[in-house]
N, C-alpha and C. Protein backbone atom coordinates (compact mmCIF):
# COMPACT_ATOMS: atom_id res chain seq x y z
N UNK A 1 91.48 110.66 116.52
CA UNK A 1 91.55 112.06 116.09
C UNK A 1 90.46 112.86 116.79
N UNK A 2 90.80 114.01 117.33
CA UNK A 2 89.82 114.83 118.03
C UNK A 2 88.89 115.49 117.02
N UNK A 3 87.59 115.45 117.33
CA UNK A 3 86.59 116.05 116.44
C UNK A 3 86.69 117.56 116.49
N UNK A 4 86.68 118.19 115.31
CA UNK A 4 86.78 119.64 115.24
C UNK A 4 85.48 120.29 115.70
N UNK A 5 85.57 121.27 116.57
CA UNK A 5 84.40 121.96 117.07
C UNK A 5 83.85 122.90 115.99
N UNK A 6 82.54 122.89 115.83
CA UNK A 6 81.89 123.76 114.86
C UNK A 6 81.94 125.20 115.36
N UNK A 7 82.30 126.13 114.49
CA UNK A 7 82.35 127.54 114.85
C UNK A 7 81.23 128.28 114.12
N UNK A 8 80.23 128.72 114.87
CA UNK A 8 79.11 129.46 114.30
C UNK A 8 79.22 130.93 114.68
N UNK A 9 78.74 131.79 113.79
CA UNK A 9 78.75 133.22 114.07
C UNK A 9 77.62 133.54 115.05
N UNK A 10 77.90 134.39 116.02
CA UNK A 10 76.88 134.73 117.02
C UNK A 10 75.88 135.73 116.48
N UNK A 11 76.26 136.53 115.49
CA UNK A 11 75.33 137.53 114.95
C UNK A 11 75.83 138.05 113.61
N UNK A 12 74.93 138.71 112.89
CA UNK A 12 75.29 139.35 111.62
C UNK A 12 75.61 140.83 111.83
N UNK A 13 74.96 141.44 112.82
CA UNK A 13 75.11 142.87 113.06
C UNK A 13 75.66 143.09 114.47
N UNK A 14 76.27 144.25 114.72
CA UNK A 14 76.88 144.48 116.03
C UNK A 14 75.90 144.81 117.14
N UNK A 15 74.72 145.35 116.81
CA UNK A 15 73.87 145.84 117.89
C UNK A 15 72.38 145.60 117.72
N UNK A 16 71.95 144.92 116.65
CA UNK A 16 70.52 144.67 116.47
C UNK A 16 70.11 143.37 117.16
N UNK A 17 68.86 143.36 117.65
CA UNK A 17 68.29 142.14 118.22
C UNK A 17 67.88 141.23 117.06
N UNK A 18 68.58 140.10 116.92
CA UNK A 18 68.37 139.22 115.77
C UNK A 18 67.64 137.94 116.20
N UNK A 19 66.77 137.49 115.33
CA UNK A 19 66.11 136.19 115.52
C UNK A 19 66.47 135.28 114.36
N UNK A 20 66.88 134.07 114.67
CA UNK A 20 67.14 133.07 113.65
C UNK A 20 65.88 132.30 113.34
N UNK A 21 65.64 132.01 112.05
CA UNK A 21 64.44 131.30 111.61
C UNK A 21 64.82 130.08 110.78
N UNK A 22 64.15 128.98 111.04
CA UNK A 22 64.36 127.78 110.22
C UNK A 22 63.14 126.90 110.34
N UNK A 23 63.07 125.88 109.47
CA UNK A 23 61.95 124.95 109.45
C UNK A 23 62.46 123.52 109.38
N UNK A 24 61.56 122.59 109.63
CA UNK A 24 61.88 121.17 109.50
C UNK A 24 60.65 120.46 108.95
N UNK A 25 60.89 119.56 108.00
CA UNK A 25 59.79 118.76 107.48
C UNK A 25 59.24 119.20 106.14
N UNK A 26 60.09 119.76 105.28
CA UNK A 26 59.60 120.14 103.96
C UNK A 26 59.43 118.94 103.04
N UNK A 27 60.21 117.88 103.24
CA UNK A 27 60.23 116.77 102.32
C UNK A 27 59.32 115.59 102.61
N UNK A 28 58.75 115.45 103.80
CA UNK A 28 57.94 114.27 104.09
C UNK A 28 56.63 114.21 103.30
N UNK A 29 56.04 113.02 103.30
CA UNK A 29 54.73 112.81 102.68
C UNK A 29 53.60 113.06 103.66
N UNK A 30 53.92 113.10 104.94
CA UNK A 30 52.88 113.22 105.96
C UNK A 30 53.35 114.12 107.09
N UNK A 31 52.37 114.69 107.78
CA UNK A 31 52.65 115.50 108.95
C UNK A 31 52.87 116.97 108.61
N UNK A 32 52.85 117.81 109.64
CA UNK A 32 53.07 119.25 109.44
C UNK A 32 54.51 119.57 109.12
N UNK A 33 54.72 120.78 108.61
CA UNK A 33 56.05 121.37 108.61
C UNK A 33 56.12 122.23 109.86
N UNK A 34 57.24 122.16 110.57
CA UNK A 34 57.43 122.93 111.79
C UNK A 34 58.43 124.05 111.52
N UNK A 35 58.18 125.20 112.11
CA UNK A 35 59.09 126.34 111.97
C UNK A 35 59.38 126.92 113.34
N UNK A 36 60.59 127.44 113.49
CA UNK A 36 61.00 128.01 114.78
C UNK A 36 61.68 129.36 114.57
N UNK A 37 61.54 130.21 115.58
CA UNK A 37 62.24 131.48 115.65
C UNK A 37 62.93 131.55 117.01
N UNK A 38 64.21 131.92 117.02
CA UNK A 38 64.98 131.92 118.26
C UNK A 38 65.83 133.19 118.33
N UNK A 39 65.75 133.87 119.48
CA UNK A 39 66.66 134.97 119.80
C UNK A 39 67.61 134.48 120.88
N UNK A 40 68.88 134.40 120.56
CA UNK A 40 69.88 133.93 121.52
C UNK A 40 70.64 135.10 122.13
N UNK A 41 71.10 134.94 123.36
CA UNK A 41 72.04 135.92 123.89
C UNK A 41 73.30 135.95 123.02
N UNK A 42 73.93 137.09 122.93
CA UNK A 42 75.11 137.20 122.05
C UNK A 42 76.27 136.34 122.52
N UNK A 43 76.29 136.02 123.79
CA UNK A 43 77.39 135.20 124.30
C UNK A 43 77.03 133.72 124.36
N UNK A 44 75.90 133.33 123.75
CA UNK A 44 75.51 131.93 123.80
C UNK A 44 76.50 131.08 123.00
N UNK A 45 76.90 129.97 123.60
CA UNK A 45 77.79 129.03 122.90
C UNK A 45 77.55 127.64 123.45
N UNK A 46 77.49 126.69 122.56
CA UNK A 46 77.46 125.29 122.98
C UNK A 46 78.19 124.47 121.94
N UNK A 47 79.11 123.59 122.36
CA UNK A 47 79.93 122.86 121.39
C UNK A 47 79.14 121.90 120.50
N UNK A 48 77.94 121.52 120.90
CA UNK A 48 77.14 120.60 120.08
C UNK A 48 76.34 121.32 119.01
N UNK A 49 76.17 122.63 119.15
CA UNK A 49 75.26 123.35 118.25
C UNK A 49 75.79 123.39 116.83
N UNK A 50 74.91 122.99 115.89
CA UNK A 50 75.24 122.97 114.46
C UNK A 50 73.91 122.89 113.72
N UNK A 51 73.98 122.92 112.40
CA UNK A 51 72.82 122.59 111.58
C UNK A 51 72.25 121.27 112.10
N UNK A 52 70.95 121.24 112.41
CA UNK A 52 70.36 120.06 113.05
C UNK A 52 70.52 118.81 112.20
N UNK A 53 70.59 118.97 110.88
CA UNK A 53 70.73 117.81 110.00
C UNK A 53 72.10 117.15 110.17
N UNK A 54 73.06 117.89 110.69
CA UNK A 54 74.41 117.37 110.89
C UNK A 54 74.62 116.84 112.30
N UNK A 55 73.58 116.90 113.12
CA UNK A 55 73.68 116.48 114.51
C UNK A 55 73.00 115.13 114.71
N UNK A 56 73.44 114.40 115.71
CA UNK A 56 72.77 113.15 116.07
C UNK A 56 71.47 113.47 116.80
N UNK A 57 70.57 112.51 116.82
CA UNK A 57 69.32 112.70 117.55
C UNK A 57 69.60 112.99 119.02
N UNK A 58 70.56 112.28 119.60
CA UNK A 58 70.91 112.49 121.01
C UNK A 58 71.39 113.92 121.24
N UNK A 59 72.23 114.44 120.34
CA UNK A 59 72.74 115.81 120.49
C UNK A 59 71.61 116.82 120.38
N UNK A 60 70.69 116.61 119.43
CA UNK A 60 69.55 117.52 119.29
C UNK A 60 68.69 117.52 120.55
N UNK A 61 68.42 116.33 121.09
CA UNK A 61 67.58 116.24 122.28
C UNK A 61 68.29 116.83 123.50
N UNK A 62 69.60 116.74 123.53
CA UNK A 62 70.36 117.36 124.61
C UNK A 62 70.27 118.88 124.54
N UNK A 63 70.36 119.42 123.33
CA UNK A 63 70.38 120.87 123.15
C UNK A 63 69.01 121.52 123.30
N UNK A 64 67.96 120.82 122.96
CA UNK A 64 66.62 121.45 122.96
C UNK A 64 66.31 122.16 124.28
N UNK A 65 66.38 121.48 125.45
CA UNK A 65 66.04 122.19 126.69
C UNK A 65 67.02 123.31 127.03
N UNK A 66 68.26 123.18 126.59
CA UNK A 66 69.25 124.23 126.84
C UNK A 66 68.87 125.48 126.06
N UNK A 67 68.53 125.31 124.79
CA UNK A 67 68.13 126.45 123.96
C UNK A 67 66.86 127.08 124.52
N UNK A 68 65.88 126.25 124.87
CA UNK A 68 64.61 126.78 125.38
C UNK A 68 64.79 127.53 126.69
N UNK A 69 65.76 127.11 127.51
CA UNK A 69 66.01 127.78 128.79
C UNK A 69 66.81 129.06 128.62
N UNK A 70 67.82 129.04 127.75
CA UNK A 70 68.76 130.15 127.69
C UNK A 70 68.43 131.19 126.62
N UNK A 71 67.55 130.87 125.70
CA UNK A 71 67.18 131.85 124.67
C UNK A 71 66.48 133.05 125.31
N UNK A 72 66.71 134.22 124.74
CA UNK A 72 65.98 135.41 125.17
C UNK A 72 64.50 135.22 124.87
N UNK A 73 64.19 134.64 123.73
CA UNK A 73 62.82 134.30 123.36
C UNK A 73 62.87 133.25 122.27
N UNK A 74 61.87 132.38 122.25
CA UNK A 74 61.77 131.37 121.19
C UNK A 74 60.32 130.99 120.99
N UNK A 75 60.01 130.50 119.80
CA UNK A 75 58.66 130.04 119.49
C UNK A 75 58.73 129.01 118.39
N UNK A 76 57.81 128.05 118.44
CA UNK A 76 57.71 127.00 117.43
C UNK A 76 56.27 126.94 116.94
N UNK A 77 56.10 126.84 115.63
CA UNK A 77 54.78 126.76 115.02
C UNK A 77 54.71 125.59 114.05
N UNK A 78 53.54 124.97 113.95
CA UNK A 78 53.30 123.89 113.00
C UNK A 78 52.29 124.34 111.95
N UNK A 79 52.54 123.96 110.71
CA UNK A 79 51.61 124.22 109.61
C UNK A 79 51.15 122.86 109.10
N UNK A 80 49.86 122.61 109.16
CA UNK A 80 49.31 121.28 108.94
C UNK A 80 49.45 120.82 107.49
N UNK A 81 49.27 119.51 107.31
CA UNK A 81 49.28 118.94 105.95
C UNK A 81 48.22 119.58 105.08
N UNK A 82 47.06 119.86 105.65
CA UNK A 82 45.99 120.50 104.88
C UNK A 82 46.40 121.89 104.41
N UNK A 83 47.04 122.66 105.30
CA UNK A 83 47.50 123.98 104.92
C UNK A 83 48.61 123.89 103.87
N UNK A 84 49.48 122.90 104.01
CA UNK A 84 50.54 122.71 103.02
C UNK A 84 49.94 122.49 101.63
N UNK A 85 48.89 121.67 101.56
CA UNK A 85 48.23 121.42 100.27
C UNK A 85 47.58 122.68 99.72
N UNK A 86 47.07 123.52 100.60
CA UNK A 86 46.41 124.75 100.15
C UNK A 86 47.42 125.80 99.68
N UNK A 87 48.56 125.88 100.38
CA UNK A 87 49.51 126.98 100.15
C UNK A 87 50.66 126.60 99.23
N UNK A 88 51.10 125.36 99.22
CA UNK A 88 52.32 124.76 98.70
C UNK A 88 53.36 124.78 99.81
N UNK A 89 54.34 123.88 99.73
CA UNK A 89 55.24 123.66 100.86
C UNK A 89 56.14 124.86 101.14
N UNK A 90 56.59 125.57 100.11
CA UNK A 90 57.43 126.74 100.35
C UNK A 90 56.65 127.82 101.08
N UNK A 91 55.44 128.12 100.59
CA UNK A 91 54.62 129.14 101.24
C UNK A 91 54.24 128.73 102.66
N UNK A 92 54.00 127.44 102.86
CA UNK A 92 53.66 126.95 104.20
C UNK A 92 54.84 127.11 105.14
N UNK A 93 56.05 126.84 104.66
CA UNK A 93 57.25 127.00 105.49
C UNK A 93 57.43 128.46 105.90
N UNK A 94 57.26 129.36 104.95
CA UNK A 94 57.38 130.79 105.24
C UNK A 94 56.30 131.23 106.21
N UNK A 95 55.08 130.75 105.99
CA UNK A 95 53.97 131.08 106.90
C UNK A 95 54.29 130.63 108.32
N UNK A 96 54.82 129.43 108.46
CA UNK A 96 55.18 128.93 109.78
C UNK A 96 56.23 129.80 110.46
N UNK A 97 57.24 130.22 109.72
CA UNK A 97 58.27 131.08 110.29
C UNK A 97 57.69 132.42 110.70
N UNK A 98 56.80 132.97 109.88
CA UNK A 98 56.17 134.25 110.23
C UNK A 98 55.33 134.12 111.49
N UNK A 99 54.60 133.04 111.61
CA UNK A 99 53.80 132.81 112.82
C UNK A 99 54.68 132.70 114.05
N UNK A 100 55.81 132.00 113.91
CA UNK A 100 56.72 131.85 115.04
C UNK A 100 57.26 133.21 115.48
N UNK A 101 57.62 134.06 114.53
CA UNK A 101 58.12 135.39 114.86
C UNK A 101 57.08 136.18 115.63
N UNK A 102 55.84 136.10 115.20
CA UNK A 102 54.76 136.85 115.87
C UNK A 102 54.54 136.39 117.31
N UNK A 103 54.95 135.17 117.63
CA UNK A 103 54.76 134.64 118.98
C UNK A 103 55.94 134.94 119.91
N UNK A 104 57.01 135.49 119.40
CA UNK A 104 58.14 135.85 120.25
C UNK A 104 57.72 136.90 121.27
N UNK A 105 58.21 136.76 122.49
CA UNK A 105 57.87 137.71 123.54
C UNK A 105 58.75 138.96 123.48
N UNK A 106 59.82 138.91 122.72
CA UNK A 106 60.69 140.06 122.48
C UNK A 106 60.70 140.29 120.97
N UNK A 107 60.47 141.53 120.55
CA UNK A 107 60.40 141.81 119.12
C UNK A 107 61.81 141.96 118.54
N UNK A 108 62.16 141.11 117.57
CA UNK A 108 63.49 141.23 116.95
C UNK A 108 63.55 142.41 115.98
N UNK A 109 64.75 142.91 115.79
CA UNK A 109 64.96 144.02 114.85
C UNK A 109 65.44 143.52 113.48
N UNK A 110 65.91 142.27 113.43
CA UNK A 110 66.37 141.68 112.18
C UNK A 110 66.12 140.18 112.23
N UNK A 111 65.57 139.65 111.14
CA UNK A 111 65.33 138.21 111.02
C UNK A 111 66.41 137.60 110.13
N UNK A 112 67.06 136.56 110.62
CA UNK A 112 68.02 135.80 109.83
C UNK A 112 67.34 134.51 109.41
N UNK A 113 67.09 134.37 108.11
CA UNK A 113 66.25 133.29 107.60
C UNK A 113 67.11 132.29 106.84
N UNK A 114 67.00 131.02 107.22
CA UNK A 114 67.73 129.98 106.49
C UNK A 114 67.14 129.82 105.09
N UNK A 115 68.02 129.75 104.08
CA UNK A 115 67.56 129.55 102.71
C UNK A 115 67.63 130.83 101.91
N UNK A 116 66.93 130.82 100.77
CA UNK A 116 66.97 131.99 99.89
C UNK A 116 65.60 132.54 99.54
N UNK A 117 64.56 132.09 100.26
CA UNK A 117 63.21 132.55 99.98
C UNK A 117 62.53 133.00 101.27
N UNK A 118 61.89 134.15 101.21
CA UNK A 118 61.09 134.65 102.32
C UNK A 118 60.17 135.72 101.76
N UNK A 119 59.21 136.18 102.58
CA UNK A 119 58.28 137.23 102.14
C UNK A 119 58.20 138.30 103.22
N UNK A 120 58.17 139.56 102.81
CA UNK A 120 58.04 140.64 103.80
C UNK A 120 56.73 140.51 104.57
N UNK A 121 56.78 140.87 105.85
CA UNK A 121 55.56 140.90 106.67
C UNK A 121 55.77 141.78 107.89
N UNK A 122 54.75 142.47 108.29
CA UNK A 122 54.72 143.25 109.52
C UNK A 122 55.87 144.24 109.65
N UNK A 123 56.50 144.61 108.54
CA UNK A 123 57.56 145.60 108.58
C UNK A 123 58.91 145.10 109.08
N UNK A 124 59.06 143.79 109.26
CA UNK A 124 60.34 143.25 109.74
C UNK A 124 61.42 143.33 108.68
N UNK A 125 62.61 143.73 109.10
CA UNK A 125 63.79 143.62 108.23
C UNK A 125 64.28 142.17 108.30
N UNK A 126 64.75 141.65 107.16
CA UNK A 126 65.23 140.27 107.17
C UNK A 126 66.35 140.07 106.16
N UNK A 127 67.12 139.03 106.40
CA UNK A 127 68.17 138.59 105.48
C UNK A 127 68.01 137.09 105.28
N UNK A 128 68.03 136.65 104.03
CA UNK A 128 68.03 135.22 103.76
C UNK A 128 69.48 134.76 103.59
N UNK A 129 69.80 133.61 104.17
CA UNK A 129 71.17 133.10 104.14
C UNK A 129 71.15 131.63 103.75
N UNK A 130 71.70 131.32 102.58
CA UNK A 130 71.83 129.92 102.18
C UNK A 130 72.81 129.23 103.12
N UNK A 131 72.42 128.05 103.61
CA UNK A 131 73.19 127.32 104.62
C UNK A 131 73.33 128.15 105.90
N UNK A 132 72.33 128.96 106.17
CA UNK A 132 72.37 129.78 107.38
C UNK A 132 72.41 128.97 108.65
N UNK A 133 71.81 127.76 108.61
CA UNK A 133 71.80 126.91 109.81
C UNK A 133 73.18 126.36 110.13
N UNK A 134 74.10 126.45 109.21
CA UNK A 134 75.49 126.05 109.46
C UNK A 134 76.40 127.26 109.59
N UNK A 135 75.79 128.46 109.64
CA UNK A 135 76.56 129.70 109.70
C UNK A 135 76.31 130.50 110.96
N UNK A 136 75.03 130.68 111.32
CA UNK A 136 74.66 131.52 112.46
C UNK A 136 74.05 130.68 113.58
N UNK A 137 74.47 130.97 114.78
CA UNK A 137 74.02 130.18 115.93
C UNK A 137 72.51 130.26 116.12
N UNK A 138 71.92 131.43 115.91
CA UNK A 138 70.48 131.56 116.13
C UNK A 138 69.68 130.73 115.13
N UNK A 139 70.14 130.65 113.89
CA UNK A 139 69.45 129.83 112.90
C UNK A 139 69.64 128.35 113.22
N UNK A 140 70.85 127.98 113.63
CA UNK A 140 71.10 126.59 114.02
C UNK A 140 70.21 126.20 115.20
N UNK A 141 70.05 127.10 116.15
CA UNK A 141 69.17 126.83 117.30
C UNK A 141 67.73 126.65 116.85
N UNK A 142 67.29 127.49 115.90
CA UNK A 142 65.93 127.35 115.37
C UNK A 142 65.77 126.02 114.65
N UNK A 143 66.81 125.58 113.95
CA UNK A 143 66.73 124.31 113.25
C UNK A 143 66.61 123.15 114.24
N UNK A 144 67.29 123.25 115.37
CA UNK A 144 67.20 122.21 116.40
C UNK A 144 65.80 122.15 116.99
N UNK A 145 65.24 123.30 117.32
CA UNK A 145 63.89 123.30 117.89
C UNK A 145 62.86 122.80 116.88
N UNK A 146 62.93 123.27 115.66
CA UNK A 146 61.96 122.83 114.65
C UNK A 146 62.04 121.31 114.45
N UNK A 147 63.25 120.79 114.36
CA UNK A 147 63.44 119.35 114.13
C UNK A 147 62.97 118.52 115.31
N UNK A 148 63.35 118.90 116.52
CA UNK A 148 62.99 118.09 117.68
C UNK A 148 61.50 118.15 117.97
N UNK A 149 60.89 119.32 117.80
CA UNK A 149 59.45 119.42 118.00
C UNK A 149 58.71 118.60 116.95
N UNK A 150 59.18 118.63 115.71
CA UNK A 150 58.49 117.86 114.68
C UNK A 150 58.65 116.36 114.93
N UNK A 151 59.85 115.92 115.26
CA UNK A 151 60.07 114.49 115.52
C UNK A 151 59.17 114.01 116.66
N UNK A 152 59.06 114.81 117.71
CA UNK A 152 58.19 114.44 118.83
C UNK A 152 56.73 114.33 118.37
N UNK A 153 56.31 115.26 117.54
CA UNK A 153 54.95 115.23 117.02
C UNK A 153 54.70 113.98 116.17
N UNK A 154 55.66 113.63 115.33
CA UNK A 154 55.48 112.45 114.48
C UNK A 154 55.47 111.17 115.31
N UNK A 155 56.24 111.11 116.37
CA UNK A 155 56.18 109.94 117.25
C UNK A 155 54.83 109.81 117.92
N UNK A 156 54.22 110.94 118.26
CA UNK A 156 52.88 110.90 118.84
C UNK A 156 51.85 110.47 117.80
N UNK A 157 51.96 110.97 116.57
CA UNK A 157 51.02 110.57 115.52
C UNK A 157 51.16 109.10 115.17
N UNK A 158 52.37 108.57 115.33
CA UNK A 158 52.60 107.15 115.02
C UNK A 158 51.78 106.24 115.92
N UNK A 159 51.42 106.70 117.10
CA UNK A 159 50.59 105.90 117.99
C UNK A 159 49.17 105.76 117.44
N UNK A 160 48.71 106.77 116.71
CA UNK A 160 47.38 106.72 116.10
C UNK A 160 47.39 105.96 114.79
N UNK A 161 48.51 106.04 114.07
CA UNK A 161 48.63 105.36 112.76
C UNK A 161 49.91 104.51 112.76
N UNK A 162 49.97 103.45 113.54
CA UNK A 162 51.23 102.70 113.71
C UNK A 162 51.71 101.99 112.46
N UNK A 163 50.82 101.73 111.50
CA UNK A 163 51.21 100.93 110.34
C UNK A 163 52.16 101.68 109.39
N UNK A 164 52.30 103.01 109.55
CA UNK A 164 53.13 103.79 108.62
C UNK A 164 54.56 103.98 109.12
N UNK A 165 54.85 103.61 110.35
CA UNK A 165 56.22 103.71 110.86
C UNK A 165 56.71 105.13 111.04
N UNK A 166 55.82 106.07 111.34
CA UNK A 166 56.23 107.47 111.45
C UNK A 166 57.18 107.72 112.61
N UNK A 167 57.19 106.84 113.61
CA UNK A 167 58.15 107.01 114.70
C UNK A 167 59.57 106.70 114.25
N UNK A 168 59.70 106.07 113.08
CA UNK A 168 61.02 105.75 112.53
C UNK A 168 61.35 106.61 111.31
N UNK A 169 60.38 106.78 110.40
CA UNK A 169 60.67 107.51 109.16
C UNK A 169 60.23 108.97 109.20
N UNK A 170 59.55 109.39 110.26
CA UNK A 170 59.11 110.78 110.46
C UNK A 170 58.28 111.31 109.28
N UNK A 171 57.65 110.39 108.55
CA UNK A 171 56.80 110.80 107.44
C UNK A 171 57.51 110.92 106.11
N UNK A 172 58.82 110.67 106.09
CA UNK A 172 59.57 110.77 104.83
C UNK A 172 59.26 109.57 103.94
N UNK A 173 59.54 109.68 102.64
CA UNK A 173 59.15 108.63 101.68
C UNK A 173 60.11 107.45 101.67
N UNK A 174 60.21 106.77 102.80
CA UNK A 174 61.02 105.56 102.86
C UNK A 174 60.25 104.41 102.21
N UNK A 175 60.96 103.32 101.95
CA UNK A 175 60.30 102.13 101.37
C UNK A 175 59.17 101.66 102.28
N UNK A 176 59.42 101.65 103.58
CA UNK A 176 58.41 101.23 104.55
C UNK A 176 57.15 102.08 104.44
N UNK A 177 57.34 103.38 104.35
CA UNK A 177 56.20 104.30 104.31
C UNK A 177 55.42 104.15 103.01
N UNK A 178 56.13 104.06 101.90
CA UNK A 178 55.48 103.93 100.60
C UNK A 178 54.68 102.64 100.50
N UNK A 179 55.26 101.56 101.01
CA UNK A 179 54.53 100.28 100.99
C UNK A 179 53.29 100.33 101.88
N UNK A 180 53.36 101.03 102.99
CA UNK A 180 52.20 101.17 103.87
C UNK A 180 51.09 101.97 103.18
N UNK A 181 51.47 102.99 102.42
CA UNK A 181 50.46 103.76 101.67
C UNK A 181 49.79 102.86 100.64
N UNK A 182 50.58 102.04 99.96
CA UNK A 182 50.00 101.11 98.99
C UNK A 182 48.98 100.18 99.65
N UNK A 183 49.32 99.72 100.85
CA UNK A 183 48.47 98.73 101.51
C UNK A 183 47.27 99.36 102.22
N UNK A 184 47.48 100.51 102.87
CA UNK A 184 46.43 101.06 103.73
C UNK A 184 45.82 102.35 103.19
N UNK A 185 46.41 102.94 102.15
CA UNK A 185 45.90 104.20 101.65
C UNK A 185 46.43 105.39 102.43
N UNK A 186 45.78 106.52 102.26
CA UNK A 186 46.22 107.76 102.89
C UNK A 186 45.43 108.04 104.16
N UNK A 187 46.05 108.80 105.04
CA UNK A 187 45.39 109.27 106.26
C UNK A 187 45.12 110.77 106.12
N UNK A 188 44.37 111.36 107.03
CA UNK A 188 44.19 112.82 107.01
C UNK A 188 45.50 113.58 107.24
N UNK A 189 46.52 112.89 107.70
CA UNK A 189 47.81 113.54 107.95
C UNK A 189 48.72 113.54 106.73
N UNK A 190 48.31 112.88 105.64
CA UNK A 190 49.13 112.86 104.43
C UNK A 190 48.90 114.12 103.59
N UNK A 191 49.96 114.53 102.93
CA UNK A 191 49.91 115.69 102.04
C UNK A 191 49.48 115.22 100.66
N UNK A 192 48.35 115.66 100.20
CA UNK A 192 47.81 115.17 98.93
C UNK A 192 48.57 115.70 97.71
N UNK A 193 49.29 116.79 97.87
CA UNK A 193 49.99 117.38 96.73
C UNK A 193 51.40 116.82 96.55
N UNK A 194 51.80 115.86 97.37
CA UNK A 194 53.10 115.22 97.23
C UNK A 194 52.92 113.89 96.51
N UNK A 195 53.58 113.72 95.37
CA UNK A 195 53.41 112.53 94.55
C UNK A 195 54.73 111.77 94.40
N UNK A 196 55.03 110.85 95.26
CA UNK A 196 56.24 110.04 95.07
C UNK A 196 56.17 109.28 93.75
N UNK A 197 57.29 109.19 93.07
CA UNK A 197 57.27 108.53 91.76
C UNK A 197 56.90 107.06 91.86
N UNK A 198 57.09 106.48 93.07
CA UNK A 198 56.77 105.06 93.23
C UNK A 198 55.28 104.80 93.37
N UNK A 199 54.48 105.88 93.57
CA UNK A 199 53.04 105.72 93.77
C UNK A 199 52.27 106.40 92.66
N UNK A 200 51.08 105.89 92.40
CA UNK A 200 50.22 106.49 91.38
C UNK A 200 49.72 107.86 91.87
N UNK A 201 49.89 108.92 91.08
CA UNK A 201 49.39 110.23 91.50
C UNK A 201 47.90 110.24 91.79
N UNK A 202 47.13 109.38 91.12
CA UNK A 202 45.69 109.38 91.34
C UNK A 202 45.33 109.00 92.76
N UNK A 203 46.18 108.24 93.43
CA UNK A 203 45.93 107.91 94.83
C UNK A 203 45.83 109.16 95.66
N UNK A 204 46.71 110.13 95.38
CA UNK A 204 46.73 111.37 96.11
C UNK A 204 45.63 112.30 95.63
N UNK A 205 45.47 112.43 94.35
CA UNK A 205 44.50 113.35 93.80
C UNK A 205 43.07 112.98 94.21
N UNK A 206 42.80 111.69 94.33
CA UNK A 206 41.45 111.25 94.69
C UNK A 206 41.20 111.29 96.19
N UNK A 207 42.25 111.53 96.97
CA UNK A 207 42.08 111.65 98.40
C UNK A 207 41.68 110.33 99.06
N UNK A 208 42.14 109.22 98.54
CA UNK A 208 41.80 107.93 99.12
C UNK A 208 42.44 107.82 100.50
N UNK A 209 41.68 107.41 101.50
CA UNK A 209 42.22 107.32 102.85
C UNK A 209 41.69 106.11 103.58
N UNK A 210 42.08 106.02 104.83
CA UNK A 210 41.62 104.89 105.63
C UNK A 210 40.65 105.39 106.69
């Protein structure tokens, strides 16, 4: 059976310069959350483009350089584990998206934000869209950049902390990761405000590390 091609909307408005915003890494126990902002040409189309969570790793890695080359402007920002603990993960995700927008070389007239939460800043008009990464091409492109940049970062961090398997679990609370925390404690890259039910909260609250 032939696989059905995903059909994403190229824009919400007929004539405004739109930037799609998305993040990756809200759920892990370790590492930054990454956020991206992407302005695509209105005629941009690629058959692989979709919500990054619905794409294979190979498809995401194939699309990343294409998006970076063909986008009118794009930017990716990371918000550290320490900042996540200070702000909370939702606020950190929004902060990352705002930082990415500020780094765009072309100023968008409308921000299309994945999800249902955002905060006004710098006078930008914005729309929040639930499942926006599966609806608008620019948000899907932002989701691909955020995900691939974060995965690359976690693979690099895994070289410094190989016992946690971050090159495989990307910091998410897998059995492997949780058992490594039990055995080795926390690193400076762990989020202290995340308490997996399988672990004692005091481990996080006390900031025990290696």
